[in-house]
Amino acid sequence: MTIPQETPSRIEPCLLDSIDPKTADLATDLAWKAGQLGKKLHEKTAGNLSDLVRIANCYQRILRAEKFSTLIDTAINRKESSTPSEQQ
């Protein structure tokens, strides 16, 4: 079993190879409206929201790290159990 190598690109946002114009327009419109909404938030609310997103991102990284650790442990255990014991 090959263990996937952890690289920074695995934790960066996924990017599409190609995108149709309608979807691109919708994404641009959404980004603009989100920016406008951000300008309307009270400074304290914006700060609290930023903290919440930061916590959610950290939690997601922890879950990914635990999953990766589990994959490594599983691979090691499989390799150990398939290796004949060296008792003579």
PDB file of N, CA and C in Angstrom:
ATOM      1  N   MET A   1       0.844  -1.183   0.000  1.00  0.00           N
ATOM      2  CA  MET A   1       0.000   0.000   0.000  1.00  0.00           C
ATOM      3  C   MET A   1       0.885   1.241   0.000  1.00  0.00           C
ATOM      4  N   THR A   2       0.610   2.159  -0.875  1.00  0.00           N
ATOM      5  CA  THR A   2       1.362   3.394  -0.954  1.00  0.00           C
ATOM      6  C   THR A   2       0.684   4.441  -0.085  1.00  0.00           C
ATOM      7  N   ILE A   3       1.471   5.085   0.775  1.00  0.00           N
ATOM      8  CA  ILE A   3       0.945   6.141   1.634  1.00  0.00           C
ATOM      9  C   ILE A   3       1.069   7.456   0.882  1.00  0.00           C
ATOM     10  N   PRO A   4      -0.045   8.221   0.773  1.00  0.00           N
ATOM     11  CA  PRO A   4       0.055   9.489   0.063  1.00  0.00           C
ATOM     12  C   PRO A   4       0.995  10.440   0.788  1.00  0.00           C
ATOM     13  N   GLN A   5       1.803  11.140   0.019  1.00  0.00           N
ATOM     14  CA  GLN A   5       2.743  12.083   0.606  1.00  0.00           C
ATOM     15  C   GLN A   5       2.009  13.382   0.913  1.00  0.00           C
ATOM     16  N   GLU A   6       2.197  13.883   2.119  1.00  0.00           N
ATOM     17  CA  GLU A   6       1.545  15.129   2.532  1.00  0.00           C
ATOM     18  C   GLU A   6       2.334  16.308   1.976  1.00  0.00           C
ATOM     19  N   THR A   7       1.668  17.143   1.204  1.00  0.00           N
ATOM     20  CA  THR A   7       2.306  18.316   0.613  1.00  0.00           C
ATOM     21  C   THR A   7       1.428  19.534   0.868  1.00  0.00           C
ATOM     22  N   PRO A   8       2.004  20.736   0.822  1.00  0.00           N
ATOM     23  CA  PRO A   8       1.193  21.940   1.048  1.00  0.00           C
ATOM     24  C   PRO A   8       0.016  22.062   0.087  1.00  0.00           C
ATOM     25  N   SER A   9       0.171  21.566  -1.125  1.00  0.00           N
ATOM     26  CA  SER A   9      -0.922  21.699  -2.092  1.00  0.00           C
ATOM     27  C   SER A   9      -2.154  20.910  -1.679  1.00  0.00           C
ATOM     28  N   ARG A  10      -1.983  19.903  -0.798  1.00  0.00           N
ATOM     29  CA  ARG A  10      -3.138  19.129  -0.339  1.00  0.00           C
ATOM     30  C   ARG A  10      -3.997  19.907   0.640  1.00  0.00           C
ATOM     31  N   ILE A  11      -3.456  20.966   1.256  1.00  0.00           N
ATOM     32  CA  ILE A  11      -4.247  21.734   2.209  1.00  0.00           C
ATOM     33  C   ILE A  11      -4.635  23.105   1.662  1.00  0.00           C
ATOM     34  N   GLU A  12      -4.225  23.405   0.458  1.00  0.00           N
ATOM     35  CA  GLU A  12      -4.623  24.648  -0.168  1.00  0.00           C
ATOM     36  C   GLU A  12      -5.974  24.445  -0.853  1.00  0.00           C
ATOM     37  N   PRO A  13      -6.691  25.531  -1.112  1.00  0.00           N
ATOM     38  CA  PRO A  13      -7.987  25.383  -1.783  1.00  0.00           C
ATOM     39  C   PRO A  13      -7.842  24.689  -3.135  1.00  0.00           C
ATOM     40  N   CYS A  14      -8.832  23.919  -3.474  1.00  0.00           N
ATOM     41  CA  CYS A  14      -8.825  23.239  -4.773  1.00  0.00           C
ATOM     42  C   CYS A  14      -9.089  24.265  -5.877  1.00  0.00           C
ATOM     43  N   LEU A  15      -8.363  24.151  -6.947  1.00  0.00           N
ATOM     44  CA  LEU A  15      -8.555  25.028  -8.088  1.00  0.00           C
ATOM     45  C   LEU A  15      -9.029  24.193  -9.272  1.00  0.00           C
ATOM     46  N   LEU A  16      -9.914  24.763 -10.050  1.00  0.00           N
ATOM     47  CA  LEU A  16     -10.436  24.066 -11.219  1.00  0.00           C
ATOM     48  C   LEU A  16      -9.495  24.257 -12.399  1.00  0.00           C
ATOM     49  N   ASP A  17      -9.370  23.201 -13.207  1.00  0.00           N
ATOM     50  CA  ASP A  17      -8.547  23.305 -14.411  1.00  0.00           C
ATOM     51  C   ASP A  17      -9.194  24.242 -15.423  1.00  0.00           C
ATOM     52  N   SER A  18     -10.508  24.138 -15.541  1.00  0.00           N
ATOM     53  CA  SER A  18     -11.236  25.030 -16.437  1.00  0.00           C
ATOM     54  C   SER A  18     -12.578  25.353 -15.790  1.00  0.00           C
ATOM     55  N   ILE A  19     -13.127  26.486 -16.173  1.00  0.00           N
ATOM     56  CA  ILE A  19     -14.393  26.931 -15.583  1.00  0.00           C
ATOM     57  C   ILE A  19     -15.200  27.629 -16.666  1.00  0.00           C
ATOM     58  N   ASP A  20     -16.489  27.326 -16.685  1.00  0.00           N
ATOM     59  CA  ASP A  20     -17.315  27.952 -17.718  1.00  0.00           C
ATOM     60  C   ASP A  20     -17.584  29.410 -17.326  1.00  0.00           C
ATOM     61  N   PRO A  21     -17.831  30.272 -18.289  1.00  0.00           N
ATOM     62  CA  PRO A  21     -17.999  31.707 -18.026  1.00  0.00           C
ATOM     63  C   PRO A  21     -19.114  32.020 -17.025  1.00  0.00           C
ATOM     64  N   LYS A  22     -20.225  31.283 -17.079  1.00  0.00           N
ATOM     65  CA  LYS A  22     -21.338  31.558 -16.169  1.00  0.00           C
ATOM     66  C   LYS A  22     -20.904  31.309 -14.715  1.00  0.00           C
ATOM     67  N   THR A  23     -20.198  30.210 -14.473  1.00  0.00           N
ATOM     68  CA  THR A  23     -19.724  29.901 -13.124  1.00  0.00           C
ATOM     69  C   THR A  23     -18.699  30.939 -12.671  1.00  0.00           C
ATOM     70  N   ALA A  24     -17.838  31.368 -13.578  1.00  0.00           N
ATOM     71  CA  ALA A  24     -16.845  32.396 -13.245  1.00  0.00           C
ATOM     72  C   ALA A  24     -17.533  33.696 -12.851  1.00  0.00           C
ATOM     73  N   ASP A  25     -18.574  34.067 -13.587  1.00  0.00           N
ATOM     74  CA  ASP A  25     -19.321  35.284 -13.267  1.00  0.00           C
ATOM     75  C   ASP A  25     -19.998  35.174 -11.897  1.00  0.00           C
ATOM     76  N   LEU A  26     -20.579  34.001 -11.612  1.00  0.00           N
ATOM     77  CA  LEU A  26     -21.226  33.798 -10.313  1.00  0.00           C
ATOM     78  C   LEU A  26     -20.215  33.876  -9.174  1.00  0.00           C
ATOM     79  N   ALA A  27     -19.044  33.286  -9.371  1.00  0.00           N
ATOM     80  CA  ALA A  27     -18.000  33.324  -8.343  1.00  0.00           C
ATOM     81  C   ALA A  27     -17.520  34.752  -8.111  1.00  0.00           C
ATOM     82  N   THR A  28     -17.351  35.512  -9.182  1.00  0.00           N
ATOM     83  CA  THR A  28     -16.924  36.903  -9.064  1.00  0.00           C
ATOM     84  C   THR A  28     -17.966  37.731  -8.332  1.00  0.00           C
ATOM     85  N   ASP A  29     -19.234  37.513  -8.674  1.00  0.00           N
ATOM     86  CA  ASP A  29     -20.333  38.228  -8.030  1.00  0.00           C
ATOM     87  C   ASP A  29     -20.398  37.881  -6.538  1.00  0.00           C
ATOM     88  N   LEU A  30     -20.245  36.617  -6.215  1.00  0.00           N
ATOM     89  CA  LEU A  30     -20.266  36.184  -4.823  1.00  0.00           C
ATOM     90  C   LEU A  30     -19.124  36.819  -4.027  1.00  0.00           C
ATOM     91  N   ALA A  31     -17.931  36.845  -4.609  1.00  0.00           N
ATOM     92  CA  ALA A  31     -16.780  37.451  -3.934  1.00  0.00           C
ATOM     93  C   ALA A  31     -17.019  38.942  -3.697  1.00  0.00           C
ATOM     94  N   TRP A  32     -17.576  39.623  -4.675  1.00  0.00           N
ATOM     95  CA  TRP A  32     -17.845  41.058  -4.538  1.00  0.00           C
ATOM     96  C   TRP A  32     -18.868  41.301  -3.434  1.00  0.00           C
ATOM     97  N   LYS A  33     -19.965  40.517  -3.439  1.00  0.00           N
ATOM     98  CA  LYS A  33     -21.012  40.686  -2.425  1.00  0.00           C
ATOM     99  C   LYS A  33     -20.489  40.353  -1.032  1.00  0.00           C
ATOM    100  N   ALA A  34     -19.635  39.354  -0.925  1.00  0.00           N
ATOM    101  CA  ALA A  34     -19.047  39.012   0.373  1.00  0.00           C
ATOM    102  C   ALA A  34     -18.189  40.171   0.874  1.00  0.00           C
ATOM    103  N   GLY A  35     -17.455  40.808  -0.032  1.00  0.00           N
ATOM    104  CA  GLY A  35     -16.651  41.963   0.347  1.00  0.00           C
ATOM    105  C   GLY A  35     -17.507  43.123   0.826  1.00  0.00           C
ATOM    106  N   GLN A  36     -18.611  43.331   0.148  1.00  0.00           N
ATOM    107  CA  GLN A  36     -19.532  44.402   0.557  1.00  0.00           C
ATOM    108  C   GLN A  36     -20.128  44.110   1.925  1.00  0.00           C
ATOM    109  N   LEU A  37     -20.490  42.859   2.163  1.00  0.00           N
ATOM    110  CA  LEU A  37     -21.039  42.466   3.458  1.00  0.00           C
ATOM    111  C   LEU A  37     -19.996  42.674   4.555  1.00  0.00           C
ATOM    112  N   GLY A  38     -18.749  42.310   4.267  1.00  0.00           N
ATOM    113  CA  GLY A  38     -17.682  42.479   5.243  1.00  0.00           C
ATOM    114  C   GLY A  38     -17.490  43.934   5.653  1.00  0.00           C
ATOM    115  N   LYS A  39     -17.695  44.847   4.724  1.00  0.00           N
ATOM    116  CA  LYS A  39     -17.559  46.276   5.024  1.00  0.00           C
ATOM    117  C   LYS A  39     -18.671  46.770   5.946  1.00  0.00           C
ATOM    118  N   LYS A  40     -19.818  46.078   5.932  1.00  0.00           N
ATOM    119  CA  LYS A  40     -20.969  46.499   6.731  1.00  0.00           C
ATOM    120  C   LYS A  40     -20.944  45.930   8.144  1.00  0.00           C
ATOM    121  N   LEU A  41     -20.072  44.962   8.399  1.00  0.00           N
ATOM    122  CA  LEU A  41     -20.015  44.361   9.727  1.00  0.00           C
ATOM    123  C   LEU A  41     -19.377  45.319  10.728  1.00  0.00           C
ATOM    124  N   HIS A  42     -19.884  45.274  11.938  1.00  0.00           N
ATOM    125  CA  HIS A  42     -19.268  46.033  13.033  1.00  0.00           C
ATOM    126  C   HIS A  42     -17.855  45.493  13.238  1.00  0.00           C
ATOM    127  N   GLU A  43     -16.933  46.359  13.629  1.00  0.00           N
ATOM    128  CA  GLU A  43     -15.533  45.972  13.774  1.00  0.00           C
ATOM    129  C   GLU A  43     -15.364  44.777  14.717  1.00  0.00           C
ATOM    130  N   LYS A  44     -16.078  44.779  15.837  1.00  0.00           N
ATOM    131  CA  LYS A  44     -15.965  43.682  16.799  1.00  0.00           C
ATOM    132  C   LYS A  44     -16.540  42.386  16.207  1.00  0.00           C
ATOM    133  N   THR A  45     -17.656  42.500  15.488  1.00  0.00           N
ATOM    134  CA  THR A  45     -18.259  41.325  14.855  1.00  0.00           C
ATOM    135  C   THR A  45     -17.320  40.741  13.806  1.00  0.00           C
ATOM    136  N   ALA A  46     -16.711  41.603  13.007  1.00  0.00           N
ATOM    137  CA  ALA A  46     -15.767  41.142  11.986  1.00  0.00           C
ATOM    138  C   ALA A  46     -14.581  40.434  12.639  1.00  0.00           C
ATOM    139  N   GLY A  47     -14.091  40.976  13.738  1.00  0.00           N
ATOM    140  CA  GLY A  47     -12.977  40.347  14.454  1.00  0.00           C
ATOM    141  C   GLY A  47     -13.358  38.991  15.014  1.00  0.00           C
ATOM    142  N   ASN A  48     -14.561  38.912  15.600  1.00  0.00           N
ATOM    143  CA  ASN A  48     -15.033  37.630  16.145  1.00  0.00           C
ATOM    144  C   ASN A  48     -15.235  36.598  15.042  1.00  0.00           C
ATOM    145  N   LEU A  49     -15.763  37.038  13.917  1.00  0.00           N
ATOM    146  CA  LEU A  49     -15.955  36.130  12.785  1.00  0.00           C
ATOM    147  C   LEU A  49     -14.608  35.630  12.272  1.00  0.00           C
ATOM    148  N   SER A  50     -13.640  36.519  12.212  1.00  0.00           N
ATOM    149  CA  SER A  50     -12.292  36.135  11.788  1.00  0.00           C
ATOM    150  C   SER A  50     -11.703  35.094  12.736  1.00  0.00           C
ATOM    151  N   ASP A  51     -11.882  35.298  14.033  1.00  0.00           N
ATOM    152  CA  ASP A  51     -11.400  34.319  15.019  1.00  0.00           C
ATOM    153  C   ASP A  51     -12.079  32.968  14.830  1.00  0.00           C
ATOM    154  N   LEU A  52     -13.384  32.993  14.572  1.00  0.00           N
ATOM    155  CA  LEU A  52     -14.133  31.754  14.374  1.00  0.00           C
ATOM    156  C   LEU A  52     -13.627  30.986  13.157  1.00  0.00           C
ATOM    157  N   VAL A  53     -13.388  31.688  12.061  1.00  0.00           N
ATOM    158  CA  VAL A  53     -12.875  31.039  10.844  1.00  0.00           C
ATOM    159  C   VAL A  53     -11.485  30.469  11.106  1.00  0.00           C
ATOM    160  N   ARG A  54     -10.656  31.202  11.847  1.00  0.00           N
ATOM    161  CA  ARG A  54      -9.316  30.724  12.181  1.00  0.00           C
ATOM    162  C   ARG A  54      -9.390  29.430  12.995  1.00  0.00           C
ATOM    163  N   ILE A  55     -10.308  29.384  13.970  1.00  0.00           N
ATOM    164  CA  ILE A  55     -10.481  28.180  14.789  1.00  0.00           C
ATOM    165  C   ILE A  55     -10.962  27.016  13.922  1.00  0.00           C
ATOM    166  N   ALA A  56     -11.917  27.284  13.035  1.00  0.00           N
ATOM    167  CA  ALA A  56     -12.437  26.228  12.158  1.00  0.00           C
ATOM    168  C   ALA A  56     -11.330  25.691  11.254  1.00  0.00           C
ATOM    169  N   ASN A  57     -10.474  26.570  10.742  1.00  0.00           N
ATOM    170  CA  ASN A  57      -9.368  26.126   9.896  1.00  0.00           C
ATOM    171  C   ASN A  57      -8.383  25.267  10.682  1.00  0.00           C
ATOM    172  N   CYS A  58      -8.091  25.661  11.913  1.00  0.00           N
ATOM    173  CA  CYS A  58      -7.182  24.861  12.754  1.00  0.00           C
ATOM    174  C   CYS A  58      -7.786  23.487  13.021  1.00  0.00           C
ATOM    175  N   TYR A  59      -9.078  23.465  13.325  1.00  0.00           N
ATOM    176  CA  TYR A  59      -9.756  22.195  13.593  1.00  0.00           C
ATOM    177  C   TYR A  59      -9.681  21.287  12.367  1.00  0.00           C
ATOM    178  N   GLN A  60      -9.898  21.861  11.196  1.00  0.00           N
ATOM    179  CA  GLN A  60      -9.839  21.079   9.964  1.00  0.00           C
ATOM    180  C   GLN A  60      -8.428  20.526   9.745  1.00  0.00           C
ATOM    181  N   ARG A  61      -7.397  21.325  10.030  1.00  0.00           N
ATOM    182  CA  ARG A  61      -6.020  20.849   9.891  1.00  0.00           C
ATOM    183  C   ARG A  61      -5.740  19.701  10.850  1.00  0.00           C
ATOM    184  N   ILE A  62      -6.261  19.806  12.067  1.00  0.00           N
ATOM    185  CA  ILE A  62      -6.076  18.733  13.052  1.00  0.00           C
ATOM    186  C   ILE A  62      -6.722  17.450  12.562  1.00  0.00           C
ATOM    187  N   LEU A  63      -7.935  17.558  12.027  1.00  0.00           N
ATOM    188  CA  LEU A  63      -8.613  16.364  11.511  1.00  0.00           C
ATOM    189  C   LEU A  63      -7.825  15.729  10.377  1.00  0.00           C
ATOM    190  N   ARG A  64      -7.283  16.553   9.497  1.00  0.00           N
ATOM    191  CA  ARG A  64      -6.479  16.018   8.390  1.00  0.00           C
ATOM    192  C   ARG A  64      -5.218  15.345   8.912  1.00  0.00           C
ATOM    193  N   ALA A  65      -4.572  15.954   9.899  1.00  0.00           N
ATOM    194  CA  ALA A  65      -3.357  15.379  10.469  1.00  0.00           C
ATOM    195  C   ALA A  65      -3.668  14.042  11.142  1.00  0.00           C
ATOM    196  N   GLU A  66      -4.801  13.973  11.855  1.00  0.00           N
ATOM    197  CA  GLU A  66      -5.183  12.721  12.509  1.00  0.00           C
ATOM    198  C   GLU A  66      -5.461  11.639  11.466  1.00  0.00           C
ATOM    199  N   LYS A  67      -6.124  12.028  10.371  1.00  0.00           N
ATOM    200  CA  LYS A  67      -6.419  11.064   9.311  1.00  0.00           C
ATOM    201  C   LYS A  67      -5.119  10.554   8.704  1.00  0.00           C
ATOM    202  N   PHE A  68      -4.180  11.453   8.446  1.00  0.00           N
ATOM    203  CA  PHE A  68      -2.899  11.072   7.870  1.00  0.00           C
ATOM    204  C   PHE A  68      -2.142  10.159   8.831  1.00  0.00           C
ATOM    205  N   SER A  69      -2.171  10.497  10.117  1.00  0.00           N
ATOM    206  CA  SER A  69      -1.508   9.682  11.128  1.00  0.00           C
ATOM    207  C   SER A  69      -2.119   8.282  11.171  1.00  0.00           C
ATOM    208  N   THR A  70      -3.443   8.205  11.057  1.00  0.00           N
ATOM    209  CA  THR A  70      -4.126   6.915  11.045  1.00  0.00           C
ATOM    210  C   THR A  70      -3.707   6.094   9.832  1.00  0.00           C
ATOM    211  N   LEU A  71      -3.570   6.742   8.685  1.00  0.00           N
ATOM    212  CA  LEU A  71      -3.124   6.039   7.476  1.00  0.00           C
ATOM    213  C   LEU A  71      -1.722   5.464   7.669  1.00  0.00           C
ATOM    214  N   ILE A  72      -0.848   6.251   8.272  1.00  0.00           N
ATOM    215  CA  ILE A  72       0.519   5.783   8.512  1.00  0.00           C
ATOM    216  C   ILE A  72       0.514   4.607   9.486  1.00  0.00           C
ATOM    217  N   ASP A  73      -0.230   4.745  10.596  1.00  0.00           N
ATOM    218  CA  ASP A  73      -0.306   3.661  11.577  1.00  0.00           C
ATOM    219  C   ASP A  73      -0.846   2.380  10.951  1.00  0.00           C
ATOM    220  N   THR A  74      -1.873   2.506  10.131  1.00  0.00           N
ATOM    221  CA  THR A  74      -2.462   1.344   9.463  1.00  0.00           C
ATOM    222  C   THR A  74      -1.445   0.682   8.550  1.00  0.00           C
ATOM    223  N   ALA A  75      -0.718   1.481   7.786  1.00  0.00           N
ATOM    224  CA  ALA A  75       0.292   0.926   6.877  1.00  0.00           C
ATOM    225  C   ALA A  75       1.404   0.226   7.656  1.00  0.00           C
ATOM    226  N   ILE A  76       1.831   0.831   8.746  1.00  0.00           N
ATOM    227  CA  ILE A  76       2.891   0.222   9.559  1.00  0.00           C
ATOM    228  C   ILE A  76       2.402  -1.094  10.160  1.00  0.00           C
ATOM    229  N   ASN A  77       1.192  -1.089  10.690  1.00  0.00           N
ATOM    230  CA  ASN A  77       0.640  -2.309  11.288  1.00  0.00           C
ATOM    231  C   ASN A  77       0.485  -3.424  10.263  1.00  0.00           C
ATOM    232  N   ARG A  78       0.055  -3.071   9.064  1.00  0.00           N
ATOM    233  CA  ARG A  78      -0.082  -4.084   8.008  1.00  0.00           C
ATOM    234  C   ARG A  78       1.270  -4.660   7.631  1.00  0.00           C
ATOM    235  N   LYS A  79       2.266  -3.781   7.534  1.00  0.00           N
ATOM    236  CA  LYS A  79       3.604  -4.241   7.175  1.00  0.00           C
ATOM    237  C   LYS A  79       4.168  -5.152   8.271  1.00  0.00           C
ATOM    238  N   GLU A  80       3.970  -4.756   9.532  1.00  0.00           N
ATOM    239  CA  GLU A  80       4.470  -5.564  10.646  1.00  0.00           C
ATOM    240  C   GLU A  80       3.765  -6.919  10.706  1.00  0.00           C
ATOM    241  N   SER A  81       2.468  -6.942  10.451  1.00  0.00           N
ATOM    242  CA  SER A  81       1.734  -8.194  10.540  1.00  0.00           C
ATOM    243  C   SER A  81       2.026  -9.117   9.351  1.00  0.00           C
ATOM    244  N   SER A  82       2.487  -8.557   8.223  1.00  0.00           N
ATOM    245  CA  SER A  82       2.799  -9.384   7.072  1.00  0.00           C
ATOM    246  C   SER A  82       4.242  -9.873   7.079  1.00  0.00           C
ATOM    247  N   THR A  83       5.079  -9.290   7.950  1.00  0.00           N
ATOM    248  CA  THR A  83       6.475  -9.699   8.049  1.00  0.00           C
ATOM    249  C   THR A  83       6.564 -10.933   8.937  1.00  0.00           C
ATOM    250  N   PRO A  84       7.176 -12.003   8.440  1.00  0.00           N
ATOM    251  CA  PRO A  84       7.300 -13.207   9.268  1.00  0.00           C
ATOM    252  C   PRO A  84       8.138 -12.916  10.509  1.00  0.00           C
ATOM    253  N   SER A  85       7.745 -13.481  11.620  1.00  0.00           N
ATOM    254  CA  SER A  85       8.493 -13.241  12.859  1.00  0.00           C
ATOM    255  C   SER A  85       9.841 -13.936  12.763  1.00  0.00           C
ATOM    256  N   GLU A  86      10.821 -13.319  13.377  1.00  0.00           N
ATOM    257  CA  GLU A  86      12.183 -13.846  13.291  1.00  0.00           C
ATOM    258  C   GLU A  86      12.539 -14.600  14.566  1.00  0.00           C
ATOM    259  N   GLN A  87      11.767 -15.647  14.835  1.00  0.00           N
ATOM    260  CA  GLN A  87      12.031 -16.467  16.012  1.00  0.00           C
ATOM    261  C   GLN A  87      12.725 -17.741  15.545  1.00  0.00           C
ATOM    262  N   GLN A  88      13.860 -18.079  16.181  1.00  0.00           N
ATOM    263  CA  GLN A  88      14.588 -19.283  15.799  1.00  0.00           C
ATOM    264  C   GLN A  88      15.019 -20.037  17.011  1.00  0.00           C
TER     265      GLN A  88
END
